[in-house]
Amino acid sequence: MGGIRARTIGVLRAAGEERAAQIVPTCPDWTAKELACHMYGVCDDLLNGRLEGIGSEAWTQAQVDRHSGKPLDEFLDEWTASGEACDAMLLHIPKPGNYQLVMDMATHEHDIRLAVGSPGAQDDPSLAIGSAYMLRNIAKMDADLAEQIQGCGLTDFDRLRSMTGRRSMAQLQASGIDAEALARVLAASPMTITETDLVEVAT
């Protein structure tokens, strides 16, 4: 988690206010900065006991509303300062909740990278953790689909991006994944399959 936080903060500092205001193609309701506010806001809410409605749209939007009005550098300084407490808290989150949190943060790191044009960290261990978490959940609903995804020969990066809806139906089919089956599985989650063919530069 610390690596995800540090890298995302670095990407946004380098991007600056203007590029951080870019809409995130995979989360089109938010800018890159607003998505980062959600990333920080999850840990901030857990640390401060703001758990009512946890996981709901209202809960996540409150995180964005709470932090997005701050200047970018001020917000990033605050997020940086929270790091030690956030990492300590993660050690006490039981499985599989801790894996879910890593999956969510890893996914959003690359959403932000896509938005500001800063690819990188595509071999980070968090992607394997997130991929394994998603595969286990998919297997509970469609074991054949999970086996198919695992056998497609994708990297952890591309596998996670595919399973979290960051690849279009056409892209999924081209990689050997039953896109219709994945769409049915994701319908039970907040994730949806993007309608756009997204290109993420390999690093």
N, C-alpha and C. Protein backbone atom coordinates (compact mmCIF):
# COMPACT_ATOMS: atom_id res chain seq x y z
N MET A 1 0.82 -1.20 0.00
CA MET A 1 0.00 0.00 0.00
C MET A 1 0.86 1.26 0.00
N GLY A 2 1.96 1.21 0.76
CA GLY A 2 2.83 2.38 0.81
C GLY A 2 3.41 2.71 -0.54
N GLY A 3 3.75 1.67 -1.31
CA GLY A 3 4.29 1.91 -2.65
C GLY A 3 3.27 2.52 -3.58
N ILE A 4 2.02 2.03 -3.50
CA ILE A 4 0.95 2.59 -4.32
C ILE A 4 0.76 4.06 -3.99
N ARG A 5 0.70 4.36 -2.70
CA ARG A 5 0.49 5.75 -2.27
C ARG A 5 1.63 6.64 -2.74
N ALA A 6 2.85 6.22 -2.50
CA ALA A 6 4.01 7.06 -2.86
C ALA A 6 4.08 7.28 -4.37
N ARG A 7 3.83 6.23 -5.13
CA ARG A 7 3.90 6.38 -6.59
C ARG A 7 2.79 7.29 -7.11
N THR A 8 1.59 7.12 -6.59
CA THR A 8 0.46 7.93 -7.06
C THR A 8 0.67 9.39 -6.70
N ILE A 9 1.16 9.64 -5.50
CA ILE A 9 1.47 11.02 -5.11
C ILE A 9 2.53 11.60 -6.03
N GLY A 10 3.55 10.81 -6.34
CA GLY A 10 4.60 11.29 -7.24
C GLY A 10 4.08 11.60 -8.63
N VAL A 11 3.21 10.74 -9.13
CA VAL A 11 2.62 10.95 -10.46
C VAL A 11 1.81 12.25 -10.48
N LEU A 12 1.02 12.48 -9.44
CA LEU A 12 0.18 13.67 -9.40
C LEU A 12 0.99 14.94 -9.18
N ARG A 13 2.06 14.87 -8.38
CA ARG A 13 2.92 16.06 -8.21
C ARG A 13 3.55 16.43 -9.55
N ALA A 14 4.00 15.43 -10.27
CA ALA A 14 4.61 15.70 -11.57
C ALA A 14 3.59 16.22 -12.57
N ALA A 15 2.35 15.76 -12.45
CA ALA A 15 1.29 16.17 -13.37
C ALA A 15 0.89 17.62 -13.16
N GLY A 16 0.81 18.04 -11.89
CA GLY A 16 0.38 19.41 -11.59
C GLY A 16 -1.14 19.55 -11.65
N GLU A 17 -1.62 20.72 -11.23
CA GLU A 17 -3.06 20.95 -11.11
C GLU A 17 -3.79 20.74 -12.43
N GLU A 18 -3.23 21.23 -13.53
CA GLU A 18 -3.95 21.19 -14.80
C GLU A 18 -4.17 19.75 -15.27
N ARG A 19 -3.11 18.96 -15.27
CA ARG A 19 -3.26 17.57 -15.73
C ARG A 19 -4.02 16.74 -14.71
N ALA A 20 -3.91 17.08 -13.43
CA ALA A 20 -4.67 16.35 -12.41
C ALA A 20 -6.17 16.61 -12.53
N ALA A 21 -6.54 17.63 -13.29
CA ALA A 21 -7.95 17.94 -13.53
C ALA A 21 -8.51 17.18 -14.72
N GLN A 22 -7.70 16.30 -15.34
CA GLN A 22 -8.17 15.49 -16.45
C GLN A 22 -9.20 14.46 -15.97
N ILE A 23 -10.25 14.26 -16.76
CA ILE A 23 -11.23 13.23 -16.45
C ILE A 23 -10.57 11.85 -16.58
N VAL A 24 -10.90 10.97 -15.65
CA VAL A 24 -10.37 9.60 -15.67
C VAL A 24 -11.24 8.76 -16.61
N PRO A 25 -10.69 8.24 -17.71
CA PRO A 25 -11.51 7.49 -18.67
C PRO A 25 -12.24 6.30 -18.05
N THR A 26 -11.62 5.66 -17.06
CA THR A 26 -12.21 4.48 -16.44
C THR A 26 -13.11 4.82 -15.25
N CYS A 27 -13.10 6.06 -14.82
CA CYS A 27 -13.98 6.56 -13.74
C CYS A 27 -14.47 7.94 -14.17
N PRO A 28 -15.30 8.02 -15.21
CA PRO A 28 -15.57 9.30 -15.86
C PRO A 28 -16.32 10.33 -15.03
N ASP A 29 -16.79 9.94 -13.87
CA ASP A 29 -17.44 10.92 -12.99
C ASP A 29 -16.42 11.75 -12.21
N TRP A 30 -15.14 11.34 -12.25
CA TRP A 30 -14.12 11.99 -11.45
C TRP A 30 -12.92 12.41 -12.28
N THR A 31 -12.23 13.44 -11.81
CA THR A 31 -10.92 13.79 -12.34
C THR A 31 -9.86 12.93 -11.65
N ALA A 32 -8.63 13.02 -12.14
CA ALA A 32 -7.54 12.27 -11.51
C ALA A 32 -7.37 12.69 -10.05
N LYS A 33 -7.45 14.00 -9.79
CA LYS A 33 -7.32 14.49 -8.41
C LYS A 33 -8.47 13.97 -7.55
N GLU A 34 -9.67 13.98 -8.08
CA GLU A 34 -10.82 13.51 -7.30
C GLU A 34 -10.72 12.03 -7.01
N LEU A 35 -10.23 11.25 -7.96
CA LEU A 35 -10.04 9.83 -7.71
C LEU A 35 -9.00 9.62 -6.62
N ALA A 36 -7.95 10.43 -6.63
CA ALA A 36 -6.95 10.35 -5.56
C ALA A 36 -7.57 10.71 -4.21
N CYS A 37 -8.53 11.64 -4.20
CA CYS A 37 -9.22 11.99 -2.96
C CYS A 37 -9.97 10.78 -2.41
N HIS A 38 -10.54 9.98 -3.31
CA HIS A 38 -11.19 8.74 -2.88
C HIS A 38 -10.16 7.76 -2.32
N MET A 39 -9.03 7.62 -2.99
CA MET A 39 -8.00 6.69 -2.52
C MET A 39 -7.54 7.06 -1.12
N TYR A 40 -7.24 8.33 -0.91
CA TYR A 40 -6.85 8.78 0.42
C TYR A 40 -8.02 8.68 1.38
N GLY A 41 -9.22 9.04 0.88
CA GLY A 41 -10.39 9.10 1.74
C GLY A 41 -10.77 7.77 2.35
N VAL A 42 -10.52 6.67 1.66
CA VAL A 42 -10.83 5.35 2.22
C VAL A 42 -10.04 5.14 3.51
N CYS A 43 -8.73 5.34 3.44
CA CYS A 43 -7.91 5.15 4.64
C CYS A 43 -8.24 6.19 5.70
N ASP A 44 -8.47 7.43 5.28
CA ASP A 44 -8.81 8.51 6.21
C ASP A 44 -10.11 8.17 6.95
N ASP A 45 -11.11 7.67 6.24
CA ASP A 45 -12.37 7.31 6.88
C ASP A 45 -12.21 6.14 7.83
N LEU A 46 -11.44 5.12 7.42
CA LEU A 46 -11.23 3.98 8.29
C LEU A 46 -10.49 4.39 9.56
N LEU A 47 -9.50 5.25 9.41
CA LEU A 47 -8.74 5.70 10.58
C LEU A 47 -9.59 6.53 11.53
N ASN A 48 -10.55 7.26 10.98
CA ASN A 48 -11.34 8.18 11.80
C ASN A 48 -12.75 7.66 12.09
N GLY A 49 -13.00 6.40 11.79
CA GLY A 49 -14.25 5.76 12.17
C GLY A 49 -15.47 6.24 11.41
N ARG A 50 -15.26 6.80 10.23
CA ARG A 50 -16.40 7.23 9.41
C ARG A 50 -16.87 6.05 8.56
N LEU A 51 -17.63 5.14 9.16
CA LEU A 51 -17.96 3.86 8.53
C LEU A 51 -19.42 3.75 8.10
N GLU A 52 -20.23 4.74 8.44
CA GLU A 52 -21.64 4.68 8.05
C GLU A 52 -21.76 4.72 6.52
N GLY A 53 -22.45 3.75 5.98
CA GLY A 53 -22.61 3.68 4.52
C GLY A 53 -21.36 3.25 3.80
N ILE A 54 -20.46 2.57 4.48
CA ILE A 54 -19.17 2.20 3.90
C ILE A 54 -19.37 1.48 2.56
N GLY A 55 -18.61 1.92 1.57
CA GLY A 55 -18.67 1.33 0.24
C GLY A 55 -19.74 1.90 -0.67
N SER A 56 -20.63 2.71 -0.12
CA SER A 56 -21.72 3.26 -0.94
C SER A 56 -21.23 4.45 -1.77
N GLU A 57 -22.03 4.84 -2.75
CA GLU A 57 -21.68 6.00 -3.57
C GLU A 57 -21.61 7.27 -2.71
N ALA A 58 -22.52 7.38 -1.75
CA ALA A 58 -22.53 8.56 -0.88
C ALA A 58 -21.26 8.62 -0.04
N TRP A 59 -20.81 7.46 0.44
CA TRP A 59 -19.60 7.40 1.27
C TRP A 59 -18.38 7.82 0.46
N THR A 60 -18.26 7.31 -0.77
CA THR A 60 -17.10 7.66 -1.59
C THR A 60 -17.17 9.11 -2.08
N GLN A 61 -18.37 9.58 -2.39
CA GLN A 61 -18.49 10.96 -2.84
C GLN A 61 -18.15 11.94 -1.72
N ALA A 62 -18.48 11.58 -0.49
CA ALA A 62 -18.13 12.43 0.65
C ALA A 62 -16.61 12.57 0.77
N GLN A 63 -15.88 11.52 0.44
CA GLN A 63 -14.42 11.60 0.48
C GLN A 63 -13.92 12.61 -0.54
N VAL A 64 -14.49 12.57 -1.73
CA VAL A 64 -14.09 13.52 -2.77
C VAL A 64 -14.45 14.93 -2.35
N ASP A 65 -15.66 15.12 -1.85
CA ASP A 65 -16.10 16.45 -1.45
C ASP A 65 -15.24 17.01 -0.31
N ARG A 66 -14.78 16.14 0.57
CA ARG A 66 -14.01 16.58 1.74
C ARG A 66 -12.63 17.10 1.34
N HIS A 67 -12.03 16.53 0.30
CA HIS A 67 -10.63 16.83 0.01
C HIS A 67 -10.38 17.55 -1.32
N SER A 68 -11.33 17.50 -2.24
CA SER A 68 -11.03 17.97 -3.59
C SER A 68 -10.86 19.49 -3.70
N GLY A 69 -11.38 20.24 -2.74
CA GLY A 69 -11.25 21.69 -2.81
C GLY A 69 -9.89 22.21 -2.37
N LYS A 70 -9.06 21.34 -1.84
CA LYS A 70 -7.74 21.76 -1.38
C LYS A 70 -6.79 21.89 -2.57
N PRO A 71 -5.83 22.82 -2.51
CA PRO A 71 -4.80 22.86 -3.56
C PRO A 71 -4.12 21.49 -3.66
N LEU A 72 -3.71 21.12 -4.86
CA LEU A 72 -3.17 19.78 -5.09
C LEU A 72 -2.01 19.47 -4.14
N ASP A 73 -1.03 20.35 -4.05
CA ASP A 73 0.14 20.06 -3.21
C ASP A 73 -0.25 19.92 -1.74
N GLU A 74 -1.20 20.74 -1.28
CA GLU A 74 -1.65 20.64 0.12
C GLU A 74 -2.31 19.29 0.37
N PHE A 75 -3.16 18.89 -0.56
CA PHE A 75 -3.82 17.59 -0.44
C PHE A 75 -2.79 16.45 -0.45
N LEU A 76 -1.82 16.52 -1.35
CA LEU A 76 -0.82 15.45 -1.44
C LEU A 76 0.06 15.42 -0.20
N ASP A 77 0.36 16.57 0.39
CA ASP A 77 1.11 16.61 1.65
C ASP A 77 0.32 15.92 2.76
N GLU A 78 -0.97 16.17 2.80
CA GLU A 78 -1.82 15.55 3.83
C GLU A 78 -1.87 14.04 3.64
N TRP A 79 -2.01 13.62 2.39
CA TRP A 79 -2.03 12.18 2.10
C TRP A 79 -0.70 11.54 2.50
N THR A 80 0.40 12.21 2.19
CA THR A 80 1.73 11.70 2.55
C THR A 80 1.84 11.53 4.06
N ALA A 81 1.38 12.54 4.79
CA ALA A 81 1.50 12.52 6.26
C ALA A 81 0.70 11.40 6.90
N SER A 82 -0.32 10.91 6.20
CA SER A 82 -1.16 9.85 6.75
C SER A 82 -0.55 8.47 6.58
N GLY A 83 0.55 8.39 5.82
CA GLY A 83 1.07 7.11 5.38
C GLY A 83 1.35 6.10 6.48
N GLU A 84 2.07 6.51 7.51
CA GLU A 84 2.45 5.57 8.56
C GLU A 84 1.23 4.98 9.25
N ALA A 85 0.25 5.84 9.55
CA ALA A 85 -0.97 5.36 10.22
C ALA A 85 -1.77 4.45 9.31
N CYS A 86 -1.85 4.80 8.03
CA CYS A 86 -2.61 3.97 7.08
C CYS A 86 -1.97 2.59 6.93
N ASP A 87 -0.66 2.55 6.83
CA ASP A 87 0.02 1.26 6.65
C ASP A 87 -0.12 0.40 7.90
N ALA A 88 -0.07 1.02 9.07
CA ALA A 88 -0.24 0.27 10.31
C ALA A 88 -1.65 -0.30 10.41
N MET A 89 -2.63 0.49 9.98
CA MET A 89 -4.02 0.03 10.01
C MET A 89 -4.23 -1.18 9.10
N LEU A 90 -3.60 -1.16 7.93
CA LEU A 90 -3.77 -2.25 6.97
C LEU A 90 -3.39 -3.59 7.58
N LEU A 91 -2.40 -3.60 8.47
CA LEU A 91 -1.96 -4.83 9.10
C LEU A 91 -3.05 -5.47 9.95
N HIS A 92 -4.04 -4.67 10.35
CA HIS A 92 -5.09 -5.18 11.25
C HIS A 92 -6.40 -5.45 10.52
N ILE A 93 -6.43 -5.23 9.20
CA ILE A 93 -7.63 -5.55 8.43
C ILE A 93 -7.57 -7.03 8.07
N PRO A 94 -8.58 -7.81 8.45
CA PRO A 94 -8.53 -9.25 8.19
C PRO A 94 -8.73 -9.57 6.72
N LYS A 95 -8.28 -10.77 6.33
CA LYS A 95 -8.52 -11.26 4.98
C LYS A 95 -10.02 -11.56 4.81
N PRO A 96 -10.61 -11.37 3.65
CA PRO A 96 -10.00 -10.87 2.42
C PRO A 96 -10.10 -9.35 2.26
N GLY A 97 -10.56 -8.66 3.32
CA GLY A 97 -10.73 -7.21 3.22
C GLY A 97 -9.44 -6.49 2.89
N ASN A 98 -8.31 -6.97 3.44
CA ASN A 98 -7.04 -6.32 3.14
C ASN A 98 -6.66 -6.49 1.67
N TYR A 99 -6.96 -7.67 1.11
CA TYR A 99 -6.68 -7.90 -0.30
C TYR A 99 -7.59 -7.05 -1.20
N GLN A 100 -8.83 -6.90 -0.76
CA GLN A 100 -9.76 -6.05 -1.52
C GLN A 100 -9.26 -4.61 -1.57
N LEU A 101 -8.75 -4.13 -0.46
CA LEU A 101 -8.24 -2.76 -0.40
C LEU A 101 -7.03 -2.59 -1.32
N VAL A 102 -6.13 -3.57 -1.32
CA VAL A 102 -4.98 -3.51 -2.22
C VAL A 102 -5.44 -3.53 -3.67
N MET A 103 -6.41 -4.39 -3.98
CA MET A 103 -6.94 -4.46 -5.35
C MET A 103 -7.50 -3.11 -5.79
N ASP A 104 -8.29 -2.50 -4.92
CA ASP A 104 -8.92 -1.22 -5.23
C ASP A 104 -7.87 -0.12 -5.45
N MET A 105 -6.90 -0.06 -4.56
CA MET A 105 -5.87 0.98 -4.67
C MET A 105 -4.97 0.76 -5.90
N ALA A 106 -4.62 -0.50 -6.16
CA ALA A 106 -3.79 -0.79 -7.33
C ALA A 106 -4.53 -0.43 -8.61
N THR A 107 -5.81 -0.77 -8.66
CA THR A 107 -6.63 -0.45 -9.83
C THR A 107 -6.66 1.07 -10.05
N HIS A 108 -6.87 1.81 -8.99
CA HIS A 108 -7.00 3.26 -9.14
C HIS A 108 -5.66 3.95 -9.41
N GLU A 109 -4.56 3.37 -8.93
CA GLU A 109 -3.26 3.94 -9.31
C GLU A 109 -3.14 3.98 -10.83
N HIS A 110 -3.52 2.89 -11.46
CA HIS A 110 -3.36 2.82 -12.92
C HIS A 110 -4.47 3.57 -13.64
N ASP A 111 -5.61 3.75 -13.02
CA ASP A 111 -6.63 4.65 -13.58
C ASP A 111 -6.07 6.07 -13.68
N ILE A 112 -5.41 6.50 -12.61
CA ILE A 112 -4.83 7.85 -12.58
C ILE A 112 -3.68 7.96 -13.58
N ARG A 113 -2.84 6.94 -13.63
CA ARG A 113 -1.75 6.96 -14.61
C ARG A 113 -2.30 7.09 -16.04
N LEU A 114 -3.39 6.38 -16.32
CA LEU A 114 -4.00 6.46 -17.64
C LEU A 114 -4.50 7.88 -17.91
N ALA A 115 -5.12 8.49 -16.92
CA ALA A 115 -5.71 9.82 -17.09
C ALA A 115 -4.66 10.89 -17.37
N VAL A 116 -3.51 10.81 -16.71
CA VAL A 116 -2.50 11.87 -16.84
C VAL A 116 -1.37 11.48 -17.79
N GLY A 117 -1.46 10.28 -18.38
CA GLY A 117 -0.44 9.87 -19.35
C GLY A 117 0.89 9.55 -18.73
N SER A 118 0.87 8.80 -17.62
CA SER A 118 2.12 8.46 -16.92
C SER A 118 2.16 6.97 -16.60
N PRO A 119 2.38 6.10 -17.60
CA PRO A 119 2.41 4.67 -17.34
C PRO A 119 3.60 4.27 -16.48
N GLY A 120 3.47 3.14 -15.81
CA GLY A 120 4.57 2.64 -14.98
C GLY A 120 4.08 1.63 -13.97
N ALA A 121 5.00 1.01 -13.25
CA ALA A 121 4.71 0.08 -12.14
C ALA A 121 3.80 -1.07 -12.56
N GLN A 122 3.93 -1.52 -13.80
CA GLN A 122 3.05 -2.59 -14.28
C GLN A 122 3.49 -3.98 -13.85
N ASP A 123 4.60 -4.07 -13.12
CA ASP A 123 5.02 -5.35 -12.56
C ASP A 123 5.02 -5.32 -11.04
N ASP A 124 4.33 -4.34 -10.45
CA ASP A 124 4.32 -4.22 -8.99
C ASP A 124 3.58 -5.40 -8.36
N PRO A 125 4.04 -5.90 -7.20
CA PRO A 125 3.39 -7.05 -6.54
C PRO A 125 1.91 -6.81 -6.21
N SER A 126 1.51 -5.56 -6.05
CA SER A 126 0.11 -5.28 -5.72
C SER A 126 -0.83 -5.79 -6.82
N LEU A 127 -0.34 -5.84 -8.05
CA LEU A 127 -1.17 -6.30 -9.17
C LEU A 127 -1.45 -7.80 -9.07
N ALA A 128 -0.47 -8.56 -8.61
CA ALA A 128 -0.68 -10.00 -8.40
C ALA A 128 -1.67 -10.23 -7.27
N ILE A 129 -1.57 -9.42 -6.20
CA ILE A 129 -2.49 -9.54 -5.08
C ILE A 129 -3.91 -9.21 -5.54
N GLY A 130 -4.05 -8.11 -6.26
CA GLY A 130 -5.36 -7.71 -6.74
C GLY A 130 -5.95 -8.71 -7.72
N SER A 131 -5.10 -9.24 -8.60
CA SER A 131 -5.54 -10.23 -9.57
C SER A 131 -6.03 -11.49 -8.88
N ALA A 132 -5.30 -11.95 -7.89
CA ALA A 132 -5.69 -13.16 -7.16
C ALA A 132 -7.01 -12.95 -6.42
N TYR A 133 -7.18 -11.76 -5.85
CA TYR A 133 -8.44 -11.45 -5.16
C TYR A 133 -9.61 -11.50 -6.13
N MET A 134 -9.46 -10.87 -7.29
CA MET A 134 -10.54 -10.85 -8.27
C MET A 134 -10.83 -12.25 -8.81
N LEU A 135 -9.80 -13.03 -9.06
CA LEU A 135 -10.00 -14.39 -9.56
C LEU A 135 -10.78 -15.25 -8.56
N ARG A 136 -10.45 -15.12 -7.28
CA ARG A 136 -11.18 -15.89 -6.26
C ARG A 136 -12.66 -15.50 -6.25
N ASN A 137 -12.94 -14.20 -6.34
CA ASN A 137 -14.33 -13.76 -6.33
C ASN A 137 -15.08 -14.22 -7.57
N ILE A 138 -14.43 -14.13 -8.73
CA ILE A 138 -15.07 -14.57 -9.97
C ILE A 138 -15.33 -16.08 -9.93
N ALA A 139 -14.38 -16.83 -9.36
CA ALA A 139 -14.53 -18.29 -9.29
C ALA A 139 -15.74 -18.70 -8.46
N LYS A 140 -16.11 -17.90 -7.47
CA LYS A 140 -17.28 -18.21 -6.65
C LYS A 140 -18.57 -18.12 -7.47
N MET A 141 -18.55 -17.29 -8.51
CA MET A 141 -19.75 -17.07 -9.33
C MET A 141 -19.71 -17.82 -10.65
N ASP A 142 -18.50 -18.03 -11.17
CA ASP A 142 -18.35 -18.70 -12.47
C ASP A 142 -16.96 -19.32 -12.53
N ALA A 143 -16.86 -20.55 -12.07
CA ALA A 143 -15.56 -21.22 -11.99
C ALA A 143 -14.93 -21.38 -13.36
N ASP A 144 -15.73 -21.67 -14.38
CA ASP A 144 -15.19 -21.84 -15.73
C ASP A 144 -14.58 -20.54 -16.25
N LEU A 145 -15.23 -19.42 -15.97
CA LEU A 145 -14.70 -18.13 -16.40
C LEU A 145 -13.39 -17.83 -15.70
N ALA A 146 -13.31 -18.10 -14.41
CA ALA A 146 -12.08 -17.85 -13.67
C ALA A 146 -10.93 -18.69 -14.24
N GLU A 147 -11.23 -19.95 -14.54
CA GLU A 147 -10.20 -20.81 -15.13
C GLU A 147 -9.78 -20.30 -16.50
N GLN A 148 -10.74 -19.83 -17.28
CA GLN A 148 -10.44 -19.28 -18.60
C GLN A 148 -9.53 -18.06 -18.49
N ILE A 149 -9.86 -17.14 -17.57
CA ILE A 149 -9.07 -15.92 -17.39
C ILE A 149 -7.65 -16.28 -16.96
N GLN A 150 -7.54 -17.23 -16.05
CA GLN A 150 -6.23 -17.61 -15.55
C GLN A 150 -5.37 -18.24 -16.64
N GLY A 151 -6.02 -18.86 -17.63
CA GLY A 151 -5.27 -19.55 -18.66
C GLY A 151 -5.01 -18.72 -19.91
N CYS A 152 -5.35 -17.46 -19.88
CA CYS A 152 -5.21 -16.62 -21.08
C CYS A 152 -3.79 -16.14 -21.35
N GLY A 153 -2.90 -16.35 -20.40
CA GLY A 153 -1.51 -15.92 -20.60
C GLY A 153 -1.29 -14.42 -20.43
N LEU A 154 -2.21 -13.76 -19.74
CA LEU A 154 -2.07 -12.31 -19.51
C LEU A 154 -1.11 -12.04 -18.36
N THR A 155 -0.48 -10.88 -18.37
CA THR A 155 0.29 -10.44 -17.22
C THR A 155 -0.66 -10.11 -16.07
N ASP A 156 -0.14 -10.03 -14.86
CA ASP A 156 -0.99 -9.63 -13.73
C ASP A 156 -1.62 -8.27 -14.00
N PHE A 157 -0.88 -7.37 -14.62
CA PHE A 157 -1.41 -6.04 -14.93
C PHE A 157 -2.62 -6.15 -15.86
N ASP A 158 -2.46 -6.82 -16.99
CA ASP A 158 -3.55 -6.91 -17.95
C ASP A 158 -4.70 -7.76 -17.41
N ARG A 159 -4.39 -8.76 -16.61
CA ARG A 159 -5.44 -9.60 -16.03
C ARG A 159 -6.30 -8.77 -15.08
N LEU A 160 -5.64 -7.99 -14.21
CA LEU A 160 -6.41 -7.18 -13.27
C LEU A 160 -7.21 -6.11 -13.99
N ARG A 161 -6.59 -5.46 -15.00
CA ARG A 161 -7.31 -4.43 -15.74
C ARG A 161 -8.52 -5.03 -16.47
N SER A 162 -8.37 -6.24 -16.96
CA SER A 162 -9.49 -6.92 -17.63
C SER A 162 -10.60 -7.26 -16.64
N MET A 163 -10.25 -7.82 -15.50
CA MET A 163 -11.26 -8.28 -14.54
C MET A 163 -11.98 -7.14 -13.85
N THR A 164 -11.40 -5.95 -13.86
CA THR A 164 -12.04 -4.80 -13.21
C THR A 164 -12.73 -3.88 -14.21
N GLY A 165 -12.94 -4.37 -15.44
CA GLY A 165 -13.71 -3.63 -16.42
C GLY A 165 -12.93 -2.59 -17.19
N ARG A 166 -11.61 -2.63 -17.14
CA ARG A 166 -10.77 -1.64 -17.82
C ARG A 166 -10.41 -2.05 -19.24
N ARG A 167 -11.06 -3.07 -19.75
CA ARG A 167 -10.91 -3.47 -21.15
C ARG A 167 -12.32 -3.59 -21.75
N SER A 168 -12.47 -3.18 -22.99
CA SER A 168 -13.78 -3.24 -23.66
C SER A 168 -14.18 -4.68 -23.95
N MET A 169 -15.44 -4.86 -24.33
CA MET A 169 -15.91 -6.20 -24.71
C MET A 169 -15.05 -6.77 -25.83
N ALA A 170 -14.74 -5.94 -26.84
CA ALA A 170 -13.93 -6.41 -27.96
C ALA A 170 -12.53 -6.78 -27.50
N GLN A 171 -11.95 -5.96 -26.63
CA GLN A 171 -10.60 -6.25 -26.12
C GLN A 171 -10.59 -7.54 -25.30
N LEU A 172 -11.63 -7.75 -24.50
CA LEU A 172 -11.72 -8.96 -23.69
C LEU A 172 -11.80 -10.19 -24.59
N GLN A 173 -12.65 -10.11 -25.59
CA GLN A 173 -12.79 -11.25 -26.50
C GLN A 173 -11.48 -11.54 -27.22
N ALA A 174 -10.78 -10.49 -27.62
CA ALA A 174 -9.52 -10.67 -28.34
C ALA A 174 -8.46 -11.32 -27.47
N SER A 175 -8.55 -11.13 -26.16
CA SER A 175 -7.57 -11.72 -25.25
C SER A 175 -7.97 -13.13 -24.82
N GLY A 176 -9.13 -13.60 -25.26
CA GLY A 176 -9.56 -14.95 -24.94
C GLY A 176 -10.50 -15.06 -23.77
N ILE A 177 -11.06 -13.93 -23.33
CA ILE A 177 -11.97 -13.92 -22.19
C ILE A 177 -13.41 -13.81 -22.69
N ASP A 178 -14.29 -14.62 -22.12
CA ASP A 178 -15.71 -14.55 -22.46
C ASP A 178 -16.27 -13.25 -21.89
N ALA A 179 -16.39 -12.23 -22.74
CA ALA A 179 -16.77 -10.90 -22.27
C ALA A 179 -18.18 -10.88 -21.70
N GLU A 180 -19.09 -11.62 -22.31
CA GLU A 180 -20.46 -11.64 -21.82
C GLU A 180 -20.54 -12.26 -20.42
N ALA A 181 -19.77 -13.32 -20.21
CA ALA A 181 -19.76 -13.96 -18.90
C ALA A 181 -19.17 -13.02 -17.85
N LEU A 182 -18.10 -12.31 -18.21
CA LEU A 182 -17.50 -11.37 -17.26
C LEU A 182 -18.47 -10.22 -16.96
N ALA A 183 -19.18 -9.75 -17.97
CA ALA A 183 -20.15 -8.68 -17.75
C ALA A 183 -21.23 -9.12 -16.77
N ARG A 184 -21.67 -10.37 -16.86
CA ARG A 184 -22.68 -10.87 -15.92
C ARG A 184 -22.13 -10.92 -14.50
N VAL A 185 -20.87 -11.33 -14.36
CA VAL A 185 -20.26 -11.39 -13.03
C VAL A 185 -20.11 -9.98 -12.45
N LEU A 186 -19.62 -9.05 -13.25
CA LEU A 186 -19.38 -7.69 -12.76
C LEU A 186 -20.67 -6.94 -12.47
N ALA A 187 -21.79 -7.41 -13.02
CA ALA A 187 -23.07 -6.74 -12.77
C ALA A 187 -23.44 -6.77 -11.29
N ALA A 188 -22.86 -7.70 -10.55
CA ALA A 188 -23.13 -7.79 -9.11
C ALA A 188 -22.18 -6.92 -8.29
N SER A 189 -21.34 -6.14 -8.98
CA SER A 189 -20.36 -5.29 -8.31
C SER A 189 -20.51 -3.85 -8.80
N PRO A 190 -19.75 -2.92 -8.22
CA PRO A 190 -19.80 -1.54 -8.72
C PRO A 190 -19.07 -1.36 -10.05
N MET A 191 -18.39 -2.39 -10.53
CA MET A 191 -17.59 -2.29 -11.75
C MET A 191 -18.42 -2.56 -12.99
N THR A 192 -18.11 -1.84 -14.06
CA THR A 192 -18.73 -2.08 -15.35
C THR A 192 -17.65 -2.11 -16.42
N ILE A 193 -17.92 -2.82 -17.50
CA ILE A 193 -16.94 -2.92 -18.58
C ILE A 193 -16.96 -1.65 -19.42
N THR A 194 -15.80 -1.08 -19.64
CA THR A 194 -15.70 0.15 -20.41
C THR A 194 -16.21 -0.05 -21.83
N GLU A 195 -16.81 0.99 -22.38
CA GLU A 195 -17.30 0.92 -23.76
C GLU A 195 -16.23 1.33 -24.76
N THR A 196 -15.09 1.81 -24.24
CA THR A 196 -14.03 2.33 -25.10
C THR A 196 -12.85 1.37 -25.11
N ASP A 197 -12.24 1.18 -26.28
CA ASP A 197 -11.00 0.41 -26.36
C ASP A 197 -9.88 1.24 -25.75
N LEU A 198 -9.45 0.89 -24.56
CA LEU A 198 -8.42 1.66 -23.86
C LEU A 198 -7.05 1.09 -24.15
N VAL A 199 -6.12 1.97 -24.45
CA VAL A 199 -4.75 1.57 -24.74
C VAL A 199 -3.87 2.07 -23.61
N GLU A 200 -3.23 1.15 -22.92
CA GLU A 200 -2.30 1.49 -21.84
C GLU A 200 -0.91 1.05 -22.27
N VAL A 201 0.00 1.99 -22.37
CA VAL A 201 1.33 1.73 -22.88
C VAL A 201 2.06 0.77 -21.94
N ALA A 202 2.66 -0.26 -22.48
CA ALA A 202 3.44 -1.20 -21.68
C ALA A 202 4.73 -0.53 -21.23
N THR A 203 5.17 -0.89 -20.03
CA THR A 203 6.41 -0.33 -19.49
C THR A 203 7.38 -1.45 -19.15
